[in-house]
């Protein structure tokens, strides 16, 4: 599984995982774990307290444990959670990379900023700003689950990948995902 590519999309109510590699059939799975549902279950303060974040981290780790097992060479995060998290950290915005350390830094920053201030300071939608600590907790859990230190953030999404795959092979794209994905890995 050393050559796998895993794509994760953390949404508000769920998170989706797609794993593709040369030694196994492509796997796609969804988890009932999203930044809105995690926030609703654990956060009553704005900004969230350290205890609330710790509870979100624990819940995220427990839920992500049900994700498909993977040891990817590359982990790519797509969607609003990932693209907004990089806005919190200037260095991450420059190289579109989140590491475990950067995710922890983002959480530390978001613990000090009410959602309205975070939205203004980081050019994030105010509703999204309220959910970012939970999204960061999920990203931290994903990095731990797959056992790597960094992920790349892409503005593209899982749906766009499906469109590209069907353009390359309208009929047999599912069977050719390992080959198609290898051609797109940077």
N, C-alpha and C. Protein backbone atom coordinates (compact mmCIF):
# COMPACT_ATOMS: atom_id res chain seq x y z
N UNK A 1 0.81 -1.20 0.00
CA UNK A 1 0.00 0.00 0.00
C UNK A 1 0.86 1.27 0.00
N UNK A 2 2.15 1.15 -0.20
CA UNK A 2 3.04 2.30 -0.10
C UNK A 2 2.78 3.35 -1.16
N UNK A 3 2.19 2.98 -2.28
CA UNK A 3 1.97 3.94 -3.35
C UNK A 3 0.58 4.51 -3.40
N UNK A 4 -0.17 4.39 -2.34
CA UNK A 4 -1.55 4.84 -2.35
C UNK A 4 -1.68 6.36 -2.35
N UNK A 5 -2.79 6.79 -2.90
CA UNK A 5 -3.24 8.17 -2.82
C UNK A 5 -4.57 8.14 -2.08
N UNK A 6 -4.69 8.96 -1.04
CA UNK A 6 -5.95 9.08 -0.31
C UNK A 6 -6.42 10.51 -0.44
N UNK A 7 -7.69 10.66 -0.78
CA UNK A 7 -8.32 11.97 -0.86
C UNK A 7 -9.41 12.01 0.21
N UNK A 8 -9.42 13.09 0.98
CA UNK A 8 -10.42 13.25 2.03
C UNK A 8 -11.12 14.59 1.84
N UNK A 9 -12.42 14.57 2.06
CA UNK A 9 -13.24 15.78 2.00
C UNK A 9 -14.04 15.85 3.30
N UNK A 10 -13.68 16.81 4.16
CA UNK A 10 -14.38 17.00 5.42
C UNK A 10 -15.49 18.00 5.18
N UNK A 11 -16.71 17.55 5.32
CA UNK A 11 -17.86 18.42 5.14
C UNK A 11 -18.48 18.80 6.47
N UNK A 12 -19.66 19.35 6.41
CA UNK A 12 -20.35 19.77 7.62
C UNK A 12 -20.98 18.61 8.38
N UNK A 13 -21.55 17.65 7.65
CA UNK A 13 -22.23 16.53 8.30
C UNK A 13 -21.55 15.19 8.10
N UNK A 14 -20.62 15.13 7.15
CA UNK A 14 -19.93 13.87 6.90
C UNK A 14 -18.56 14.15 6.32
N UNK A 15 -17.75 13.10 6.27
CA UNK A 15 -16.43 13.16 5.65
C UNK A 15 -16.31 11.97 4.71
N UNK A 16 -15.76 12.23 3.54
CA UNK A 16 -15.60 11.19 2.54
C UNK A 16 -14.12 10.89 2.33
N UNK A 17 -13.84 9.61 2.13
CA UNK A 17 -12.48 9.14 1.89
C UNK A 17 -12.47 8.33 0.60
N UNK A 18 -11.46 8.56 -0.22
CA UNK A 18 -11.23 7.76 -1.41
C UNK A 18 -9.77 7.35 -1.38
N UNK A 19 -9.52 6.05 -1.50
CA UNK A 19 -8.15 5.53 -1.52
C UNK A 19 -7.97 4.76 -2.82
N UNK A 20 -6.88 5.05 -3.50
CA UNK A 20 -6.56 4.35 -4.74
C UNK A 20 -5.06 4.06 -4.73
N UNK A 21 -4.73 2.86 -5.17
CA UNK A 21 -3.32 2.50 -5.19
C UNK A 21 -3.08 1.36 -6.15
N UNK A 22 -1.82 1.08 -6.43
CA UNK A 22 -1.49 0.06 -7.42
C UNK A 22 -1.77 -1.36 -6.96
N UNK A 23 -1.87 -1.59 -5.65
CA UNK A 23 -1.99 -2.95 -5.14
C UNK A 23 -3.36 -3.31 -4.60
N UNK A 24 -4.36 -2.44 -4.83
CA UNK A 24 -5.70 -2.77 -4.33
C UNK A 24 -6.74 -2.04 -5.15
N UNK A 25 -7.95 -2.55 -5.09
CA UNK A 25 -9.05 -1.89 -5.77
C UNK A 25 -9.35 -0.56 -5.08
N UNK A 26 -9.81 0.43 -5.83
CA UNK A 26 -10.17 1.71 -5.21
C UNK A 26 -11.24 1.51 -4.14
N UNK A 27 -11.13 2.30 -3.08
CA UNK A 27 -12.07 2.22 -1.97
C UNK A 27 -12.61 3.62 -1.71
N UNK A 28 -13.91 3.71 -1.54
CA UNK A 28 -14.53 4.98 -1.16
C UNK A 28 -15.42 4.72 0.03
N UNK A 29 -15.38 5.63 1.00
CA UNK A 29 -16.19 5.47 2.20
C UNK A 29 -16.57 6.83 2.75
N UNK A 30 -17.72 6.87 3.35
CA UNK A 30 -18.17 8.09 4.03
C UNK A 30 -18.35 7.82 5.51
N UNK A 31 -18.04 8.81 6.31
CA UNK A 31 -18.23 8.71 7.76
C UNK A 31 -19.21 9.78 8.21
N UNK A 32 -20.02 9.46 9.18
CA UNK A 32 -20.91 10.46 9.76
C UNK A 32 -20.13 11.31 10.75
N UNK A 33 -19.23 12.07 10.20
CA UNK A 33 -18.37 12.94 10.99
C UNK A 33 -18.11 14.18 10.15
N UNK A 34 -18.65 15.29 10.59
CA UNK A 34 -18.45 16.55 9.88
C UNK A 34 -18.22 17.67 10.87
N UNK A 35 -17.76 18.79 10.36
CA UNK A 35 -17.42 19.90 11.26
C UNK A 35 -18.66 20.50 11.91
N UNK A 36 -19.80 20.54 11.23
CA UNK A 36 -21.02 21.09 11.83
C UNK A 36 -21.56 20.15 12.90
N UNK A 37 -21.59 18.87 12.60
CA UNK A 37 -22.13 17.91 13.59
C UNK A 37 -21.21 17.79 14.80
N UNK A 38 -19.90 17.84 14.58
CA UNK A 38 -18.95 17.77 15.69
C UNK A 38 -19.06 19.02 16.57
N UNK A 39 -19.20 20.18 15.94
CA UNK A 39 -19.37 21.42 16.69
C UNK A 39 -20.67 21.37 17.51
N UNK A 40 -21.76 20.97 16.88
CA UNK A 40 -23.06 20.92 17.57
C UNK A 40 -23.02 19.98 18.77
N UNK A 41 -22.27 18.90 18.66
CA UNK A 41 -22.22 17.91 19.74
C UNK A 41 -21.33 18.32 20.90
N UNK A 42 -20.34 19.19 20.66
CA UNK A 42 -19.33 19.43 21.69
C UNK A 42 -19.05 20.88 22.06
N UNK A 43 -19.55 21.83 21.29
CA UNK A 43 -19.15 23.23 21.52
C UNK A 43 -20.33 24.09 21.93
N UNK A 44 -20.16 24.81 23.03
CA UNK A 44 -21.16 25.79 23.45
C UNK A 44 -20.56 27.19 23.58
N UNK A 45 -19.25 27.31 23.47
CA UNK A 45 -18.58 28.61 23.62
C UNK A 45 -18.04 29.11 22.28
N UNK A 46 -17.85 30.41 22.20
CA UNK A 46 -17.26 31.04 21.03
C UNK A 46 -16.21 32.03 21.49
N UNK A 47 -14.94 31.71 21.33
CA UNK A 47 -14.37 30.52 20.71
C UNK A 47 -14.53 29.30 21.62
N UNK A 48 -14.34 28.11 21.05
CA UNK A 48 -14.45 26.91 21.88
C UNK A 48 -13.37 26.88 22.95
N UNK A 49 -13.66 26.21 24.04
CA UNK A 49 -12.67 26.07 25.11
C UNK A 49 -11.72 24.93 24.77
N UNK A 50 -10.61 24.87 25.47
CA UNK A 50 -9.64 23.79 25.29
C UNK A 50 -10.32 22.44 25.55
N UNK A 51 -11.16 22.35 26.58
CA UNK A 51 -11.87 21.09 26.88
C UNK A 51 -12.79 20.70 25.73
N UNK A 52 -13.48 21.68 25.14
CA UNK A 52 -14.36 21.36 24.01
C UNK A 52 -13.55 20.85 22.82
N UNK A 53 -12.41 21.46 22.57
CA UNK A 53 -11.56 20.99 21.47
C UNK A 53 -11.03 19.59 21.76
N UNK A 54 -10.64 19.34 22.99
CA UNK A 54 -10.16 18.00 23.34
C UNK A 54 -11.26 16.95 23.14
N UNK A 55 -12.50 17.30 23.49
CA UNK A 55 -13.61 16.37 23.26
C UNK A 55 -13.84 16.14 21.76
N UNK A 56 -13.70 17.22 20.97
CA UNK A 56 -13.85 17.06 19.52
C UNK A 56 -12.73 16.19 18.95
N UNK A 57 -11.51 16.39 19.43
CA UNK A 57 -10.39 15.55 18.97
C UNK A 57 -10.64 14.09 19.30
N UNK A 58 -11.10 13.81 20.50
CA UNK A 58 -11.37 12.42 20.90
C UNK A 58 -12.47 11.81 20.04
N UNK A 59 -13.54 12.56 19.82
CA UNK A 59 -14.64 12.06 19.00
C UNK A 59 -14.20 11.86 17.55
N UNK A 60 -13.38 12.78 17.04
CA UNK A 60 -12.89 12.65 15.67
C UNK A 60 -12.00 11.41 15.53
N UNK A 61 -11.11 11.20 16.49
CA UNK A 61 -10.23 10.02 16.43
C UNK A 61 -11.06 8.73 16.43
N UNK A 62 -12.08 8.69 17.28
CA UNK A 62 -12.93 7.50 17.36
C UNK A 62 -13.66 7.26 16.04
N UNK A 63 -14.21 8.30 15.46
CA UNK A 63 -14.96 8.15 14.21
C UNK A 63 -14.04 7.82 13.04
N UNK A 64 -12.89 8.48 12.95
CA UNK A 64 -11.97 8.26 11.84
C UNK A 64 -11.37 6.86 11.89
N UNK A 65 -11.35 6.24 13.04
CA UNK A 65 -10.85 4.86 13.14
C UNK A 65 -11.65 3.91 12.25
N UNK A 66 -12.88 4.29 11.88
CA UNK A 66 -13.72 3.46 11.01
C UNK A 66 -13.43 3.70 9.52
N UNK A 67 -12.57 4.66 9.22
CA UNK A 67 -12.22 4.93 7.81
C UNK A 67 -11.43 3.75 7.27
N UNK A 68 -11.42 3.60 5.95
CA UNK A 68 -10.65 2.49 5.36
C UNK A 68 -9.18 2.57 5.79
N UNK A 69 -8.58 1.44 6.11
CA UNK A 69 -7.15 1.45 6.45
C UNK A 69 -6.35 1.87 5.22
N UNK A 70 -5.36 2.69 5.46
CA UNK A 70 -4.52 3.15 4.35
C UNK A 70 -3.19 3.63 4.90
N UNK A 71 -2.16 3.48 4.11
CA UNK A 71 -0.84 4.05 4.39
C UNK A 71 -0.40 4.76 3.11
N UNK A 72 -0.99 5.93 2.88
CA UNK A 72 -0.76 6.58 1.59
C UNK A 72 0.62 7.20 1.46
N UNK A 73 1.06 7.26 0.23
CA UNK A 73 2.23 8.05 -0.12
C UNK A 73 1.83 9.52 -0.12
N UNK A 74 0.60 9.78 -0.61
CA UNK A 74 0.08 11.13 -0.69
C UNK A 74 -1.31 11.18 -0.06
N UNK A 75 -1.55 12.23 0.70
CA UNK A 75 -2.86 12.51 1.26
C UNK A 75 -3.25 13.90 0.76
N UNK A 76 -4.40 13.98 0.14
CA UNK A 76 -4.90 15.24 -0.40
C UNK A 76 -6.23 15.54 0.26
N UNK A 77 -6.37 16.75 0.77
CA UNK A 77 -7.63 17.19 1.35
C UNK A 77 -8.27 18.19 0.40
N UNK A 78 -9.55 18.00 0.17
CA UNK A 78 -10.31 18.88 -0.72
C UNK A 78 -11.49 19.44 0.06
N UNK A 79 -12.11 20.45 -0.48
CA UNK A 79 -13.31 21.00 0.13
C UNK A 79 -13.03 22.23 0.99
N UNK A 80 -14.10 22.78 1.51
CA UNK A 80 -14.04 24.04 2.24
C UNK A 80 -13.29 23.99 3.55
N UNK A 81 -13.37 22.89 4.28
CA UNK A 81 -12.65 22.82 5.55
C UNK A 81 -11.15 22.98 5.32
N UNK A 82 -10.61 22.19 4.40
CA UNK A 82 -9.16 22.23 4.14
C UNK A 82 -8.75 23.58 3.56
N UNK A 83 -9.50 24.07 2.56
CA UNK A 83 -9.08 25.31 1.92
C UNK A 83 -9.22 26.51 2.86
N UNK A 84 -10.12 26.46 3.82
CA UNK A 84 -10.23 27.55 4.79
C UNK A 84 -9.23 27.42 5.92
N UNK A 85 -8.85 26.20 6.28
CA UNK A 85 -7.82 26.04 7.31
C UNK A 85 -6.49 26.64 6.88
N UNK A 86 -6.14 26.52 5.61
CA UNK A 86 -4.86 27.09 5.17
C UNK A 86 -4.87 28.61 5.26
N UNK A 87 -6.04 29.22 5.25
CA UNK A 87 -6.12 30.68 5.37
C UNK A 87 -5.74 31.17 6.77
N UNK A 88 -5.86 30.29 7.75
CA UNK A 88 -5.54 30.67 9.13
C UNK A 88 -4.04 30.81 9.32
N UNK A 89 -3.26 30.09 8.53
CA UNK A 89 -1.80 30.07 8.67
C UNK A 89 -1.14 30.56 7.39
N UNK A 90 -0.47 31.70 7.42
CA UNK A 90 0.14 32.24 6.20
C UNK A 90 1.09 31.25 5.50
N UNK A 91 1.91 30.52 6.24
CA UNK A 91 2.83 29.57 5.61
C UNK A 91 2.07 28.46 4.89
N UNK A 92 0.98 28.01 5.47
CA UNK A 92 0.17 26.97 4.84
C UNK A 92 -0.51 27.50 3.58
N UNK A 93 -0.90 28.76 3.62
CA UNK A 93 -1.53 29.36 2.44
C UNK A 93 -0.54 29.44 1.29
N UNK A 94 0.73 29.62 1.60
CA UNK A 94 1.75 29.72 0.55
C UNK A 94 2.02 28.39 -0.13
N UNK A 95 2.13 27.32 0.64
CA UNK A 95 2.49 26.04 0.03
C UNK A 95 1.35 25.02 -0.02
N UNK A 96 0.14 25.44 0.43
CA UNK A 96 -1.06 24.59 0.38
C UNK A 96 -0.83 23.25 1.07
N UNK A 97 -0.08 23.28 2.17
CA UNK A 97 0.23 22.06 2.91
C UNK A 97 -0.18 22.23 4.37
N UNK A 98 -0.82 21.22 4.91
CA UNK A 98 -1.11 21.16 6.34
C UNK A 98 -0.33 20.00 6.94
N UNK A 99 0.40 20.28 7.99
CA UNK A 99 1.11 19.25 8.73
C UNK A 99 0.40 19.08 10.07
N UNK A 100 0.78 18.05 10.80
CA UNK A 100 0.21 17.89 12.15
C UNK A 100 0.49 19.13 12.99
N UNK A 101 1.70 19.66 12.87
CA UNK A 101 2.07 20.85 13.65
C UNK A 101 1.24 22.06 13.24
N UNK A 102 1.06 22.23 11.94
CA UNK A 102 0.25 23.36 11.47
C UNK A 102 -1.21 23.24 11.90
N UNK A 103 -1.75 22.05 11.86
CA UNK A 103 -3.13 21.87 12.32
C UNK A 103 -3.23 22.24 13.80
N UNK A 104 -2.26 21.81 14.59
CA UNK A 104 -2.24 22.18 16.02
C UNK A 104 -2.13 23.70 16.19
N UNK A 105 -1.31 24.34 15.36
CA UNK A 105 -1.19 25.81 15.40
C UNK A 105 -2.51 26.48 15.05
N UNK A 106 -3.19 25.96 14.04
CA UNK A 106 -4.49 26.52 13.64
C UNK A 106 -5.49 26.39 14.78
N UNK A 107 -5.50 25.25 15.43
CA UNK A 107 -6.40 25.06 16.58
C UNK A 107 -6.08 26.06 17.67
N UNK A 108 -4.80 26.25 17.95
CA UNK A 108 -4.39 27.20 18.99
C UNK A 108 -4.86 28.62 18.66
N UNK A 109 -4.74 29.01 17.40
CA UNK A 109 -5.20 30.33 16.97
C UNK A 109 -6.71 30.44 17.13
N UNK A 110 -7.43 29.42 16.66
CA UNK A 110 -8.89 29.46 16.69
C UNK A 110 -9.45 29.40 18.10
N UNK A 111 -8.65 28.91 19.05
CA UNK A 111 -9.08 28.93 20.46
C UNK A 111 -9.08 30.34 21.04
N UNK A 112 -8.40 31.25 20.37
CA UNK A 112 -8.28 32.62 20.90
C UNK A 112 -9.18 33.61 20.17
N UNK A 113 -9.84 33.18 19.09
CA UNK A 113 -10.61 34.11 18.27
C UNK A 113 -12.08 33.71 18.20
N UNK A 114 -12.99 34.58 18.62
CA UNK A 114 -14.40 34.31 18.35
C UNK A 114 -14.61 34.20 16.83
N UNK A 115 -15.65 33.51 16.43
CA UNK A 115 -15.89 33.25 15.01
C UNK A 115 -15.91 34.52 14.17
N UNK A 116 -16.53 35.59 14.68
CA UNK A 116 -16.60 36.84 13.90
C UNK A 116 -15.21 37.41 13.64
N UNK A 117 -14.35 37.37 14.64
CA UNK A 117 -12.99 37.87 14.47
C UNK A 117 -12.19 36.96 13.54
N UNK A 118 -12.33 35.65 13.70
CA UNK A 118 -11.63 34.70 12.82
C UNK A 118 -12.08 34.89 11.38
N UNK A 119 -13.37 35.11 11.16
CA UNK A 119 -13.88 35.32 9.81
C UNK A 119 -13.25 36.56 9.19
N UNK A 120 -13.19 37.63 9.95
CA UNK A 120 -12.62 38.88 9.45
C UNK A 120 -11.11 38.76 9.23
N UNK A 121 -10.42 38.22 10.20
CA UNK A 121 -8.96 38.14 10.16
C UNK A 121 -8.45 37.21 9.07
N UNK A 122 -9.18 36.12 8.81
CA UNK A 122 -8.68 35.10 7.88
C UNK A 122 -9.48 35.03 6.58
N UNK A 123 -10.39 35.98 6.38
CA UNK A 123 -11.22 36.03 5.16
C UNK A 123 -11.98 34.72 4.96
N UNK A 124 -12.68 34.32 6.02
CA UNK A 124 -13.46 33.09 6.01
C UNK A 124 -14.92 33.45 6.26
N UNK A 125 -15.82 32.74 5.65
CA UNK A 125 -17.24 32.92 5.90
C UNK A 125 -17.49 32.78 7.41
N UNK A 126 -18.29 33.67 8.02
CA UNK A 126 -18.51 33.60 9.47
C UNK A 126 -19.06 32.25 9.97
N UNK A 127 -19.96 31.64 9.21
CA UNK A 127 -20.47 30.33 9.61
C UNK A 127 -19.36 29.29 9.56
N UNK A 128 -18.55 29.34 8.53
CA UNK A 128 -17.43 28.41 8.38
C UNK A 128 -16.42 28.62 9.51
N UNK A 129 -16.18 29.88 9.89
CA UNK A 129 -15.22 30.18 10.96
C UNK A 129 -15.62 29.49 12.26
N UNK A 130 -16.89 29.44 12.54
CA UNK A 130 -17.38 28.79 13.77
C UNK A 130 -17.09 27.28 13.74
N UNK A 131 -17.04 26.70 12.55
CA UNK A 131 -16.86 25.25 12.39
C UNK A 131 -15.40 24.84 12.20
N UNK A 132 -14.51 25.79 11.95
CA UNK A 132 -13.12 25.45 11.66
C UNK A 132 -12.40 24.69 12.77
N UNK A 133 -12.61 24.99 14.06
CA UNK A 133 -11.93 24.18 15.07
C UNK A 133 -12.29 22.69 14.96
N UNK A 134 -13.55 22.41 14.68
CA UNK A 134 -13.96 21.01 14.50
C UNK A 134 -13.33 20.41 13.25
N UNK A 135 -13.29 21.20 12.18
CA UNK A 135 -12.65 20.72 10.95
C UNK A 135 -11.18 20.43 11.18
N UNK A 136 -10.52 21.27 11.96
CA UNK A 136 -9.11 21.04 12.28
C UNK A 136 -8.95 19.76 13.11
N UNK A 137 -9.87 19.53 14.03
CA UNK A 137 -9.82 18.30 14.83
C UNK A 137 -9.95 17.07 13.94
N UNK A 138 -10.83 17.14 12.95
CA UNK A 138 -11.00 16.01 12.04
C UNK A 138 -9.74 15.82 11.19
N UNK A 139 -9.15 16.91 10.70
CA UNK A 139 -7.92 16.80 9.92
C UNK A 139 -6.80 16.17 10.75
N UNK A 140 -6.71 16.58 12.02
CA UNK A 140 -5.69 15.99 12.91
C UNK A 140 -5.92 14.49 13.04
N UNK A 141 -7.17 14.09 13.21
CA UNK A 141 -7.49 12.67 13.35
C UNK A 141 -7.18 11.90 12.07
N UNK A 142 -7.43 12.50 10.92
CA UNK A 142 -7.14 11.85 9.64
C UNK A 142 -5.63 11.63 9.49
N UNK A 143 -4.84 12.66 9.79
CA UNK A 143 -3.39 12.52 9.69
C UNK A 143 -2.90 11.40 10.61
N UNK A 144 -3.41 11.34 11.81
CA UNK A 144 -3.02 10.26 12.73
C UNK A 144 -3.44 8.91 12.18
N UNK A 145 -4.65 8.82 11.66
CA UNK A 145 -5.19 7.55 11.17
C UNK A 145 -4.34 6.95 10.05
N UNK A 146 -3.90 7.80 9.12
CA UNK A 146 -3.13 7.28 7.99
C UNK A 146 -1.63 7.24 8.27
N UNK A 147 -1.23 7.81 9.40
CA UNK A 147 0.16 7.68 9.83
C UNK A 147 1.17 8.51 9.06
N UNK A 148 0.73 9.66 8.55
CA UNK A 148 1.69 10.54 7.90
C UNK A 148 1.61 11.93 8.53
N UNK A 149 2.58 12.75 8.22
CA UNK A 149 2.69 14.06 8.88
C UNK A 149 2.08 15.20 8.10
N UNK A 150 1.85 15.02 6.80
CA UNK A 150 1.41 16.17 6.01
C UNK A 150 0.38 15.76 4.97
N UNK A 151 -0.39 16.76 4.58
CA UNK A 151 -1.33 16.58 3.49
C UNK A 151 -1.29 17.81 2.61
N UNK A 152 -1.64 17.61 1.36
CA UNK A 152 -1.74 18.72 0.42
C UNK A 152 -3.20 19.15 0.33
N UNK A 153 -3.43 20.43 0.20
CA UNK A 153 -4.78 20.96 0.07
C UNK A 153 -5.01 21.34 -1.38
N UNK A 154 -6.11 20.84 -1.92
CA UNK A 154 -6.45 21.13 -3.31
C UNK A 154 -7.79 21.84 -3.35
N UNK A 155 -7.91 22.78 -4.25
CA UNK A 155 -9.19 23.46 -4.45
C UNK A 155 -10.16 22.57 -5.22
N UNK A 156 -9.65 21.55 -5.89
CA UNK A 156 -10.52 20.63 -6.62
C UNK A 156 -11.25 19.74 -5.60
N UNK A 157 -12.21 18.98 -6.08
CA UNK A 157 -12.97 18.12 -5.19
C UNK A 157 -13.07 16.70 -5.71
N UNK A 158 -13.64 15.84 -4.88
CA UNK A 158 -13.82 14.43 -5.27
C UNK A 158 -14.70 14.34 -6.51
N UNK A 159 -15.75 15.14 -6.57
CA UNK A 159 -16.62 15.11 -7.74
C UNK A 159 -15.86 15.48 -9.01
N UNK A 160 -14.97 16.48 -8.91
CA UNK A 160 -14.18 16.87 -10.08
C UNK A 160 -13.27 15.73 -10.53
N UNK A 161 -12.73 14.99 -9.57
CA UNK A 161 -11.91 13.83 -9.92
C UNK A 161 -12.70 12.78 -10.68
N UNK A 162 -13.95 12.59 -10.27
CA UNK A 162 -14.81 11.63 -10.97
C UNK A 162 -15.08 12.10 -12.39
N UNK A 163 -15.33 13.38 -12.55
CA UNK A 163 -15.55 13.93 -13.89
C UNK A 163 -14.31 13.71 -14.76
N UNK A 164 -13.12 14.02 -14.22
CA UNK A 164 -11.89 13.81 -15.00
C UNK A 164 -11.70 12.34 -15.36
N UNK A 165 -11.96 11.46 -14.41
CA UNK A 165 -11.79 10.03 -14.69
C UNK A 165 -12.74 9.58 -15.79
N UNK A 166 -13.99 10.04 -15.75
CA UNK A 166 -14.94 9.63 -16.79
C UNK A 166 -14.60 10.23 -18.14
N UNK A 167 -13.96 11.40 -18.15
CA UNK A 167 -13.51 11.98 -19.42
C UNK A 167 -12.40 11.14 -20.04
N UNK A 168 -11.51 10.61 -19.20
CA UNK A 168 -10.39 9.79 -19.70
C UNK A 168 -10.84 8.41 -20.15
N UNK A 169 -11.86 7.88 -19.52
CA UNK A 169 -12.35 6.54 -19.87
C UNK A 169 -13.81 6.44 -19.46
N UNK A 170 -14.73 6.85 -20.34
CA UNK A 170 -16.14 6.92 -19.98
C UNK A 170 -16.75 5.60 -19.51
N UNK A 171 -16.25 4.48 -19.99
CA UNK A 171 -16.87 3.20 -19.64
C UNK A 171 -16.12 2.48 -18.53
N UNK A 172 -14.81 2.40 -18.61
CA UNK A 172 -14.05 1.59 -17.65
C UNK A 172 -13.28 2.38 -16.62
N UNK A 173 -13.71 3.60 -16.33
CA UNK A 173 -12.93 4.48 -15.45
C UNK A 173 -12.72 3.90 -14.06
N UNK A 174 -13.73 3.21 -13.51
CA UNK A 174 -13.57 2.64 -12.16
C UNK A 174 -12.45 1.61 -12.13
N UNK A 175 -12.39 0.78 -13.13
CA UNK A 175 -11.35 -0.25 -13.16
C UNK A 175 -9.97 0.34 -13.41
N UNK A 176 -9.91 1.52 -13.99
CA UNK A 176 -8.62 2.14 -14.32
C UNK A 176 -8.19 3.21 -13.33
N UNK A 177 -8.89 3.38 -12.22
CA UNK A 177 -8.54 4.42 -11.26
C UNK A 177 -7.08 4.38 -10.80
N UNK A 178 -6.54 3.21 -10.47
CA UNK A 178 -5.12 3.22 -10.05
C UNK A 178 -4.19 3.82 -11.10
N UNK A 179 -4.41 3.51 -12.35
CA UNK A 179 -3.59 4.05 -13.43
C UNK A 179 -3.87 5.54 -13.61
N UNK A 180 -5.14 5.90 -13.64
CA UNK A 180 -5.50 7.31 -13.83
C UNK A 180 -4.97 8.18 -12.69
N UNK A 181 -5.10 7.71 -11.46
CA UNK A 181 -4.63 8.49 -10.31
C UNK A 181 -3.12 8.68 -10.34
N UNK A 182 -2.40 7.64 -10.73
CA UNK A 182 -0.94 7.74 -10.81
C UNK A 182 -0.53 8.84 -11.79
N UNK A 183 -1.29 8.98 -12.86
CA UNK A 183 -0.98 10.01 -13.84
C UNK A 183 -1.23 11.42 -13.34
N UNK A 184 -2.06 11.58 -12.29
CA UNK A 184 -2.38 12.92 -11.79
C UNK A 184 -1.58 13.31 -10.58
N UNK A 185 -0.92 12.36 -9.93
CA UNK A 185 -0.16 12.69 -8.71
C UNK A 185 1.03 13.54 -9.10
N UNK A 186 1.17 14.66 -8.39
CA UNK A 186 2.27 15.58 -8.67
C UNK A 186 3.51 15.16 -7.92
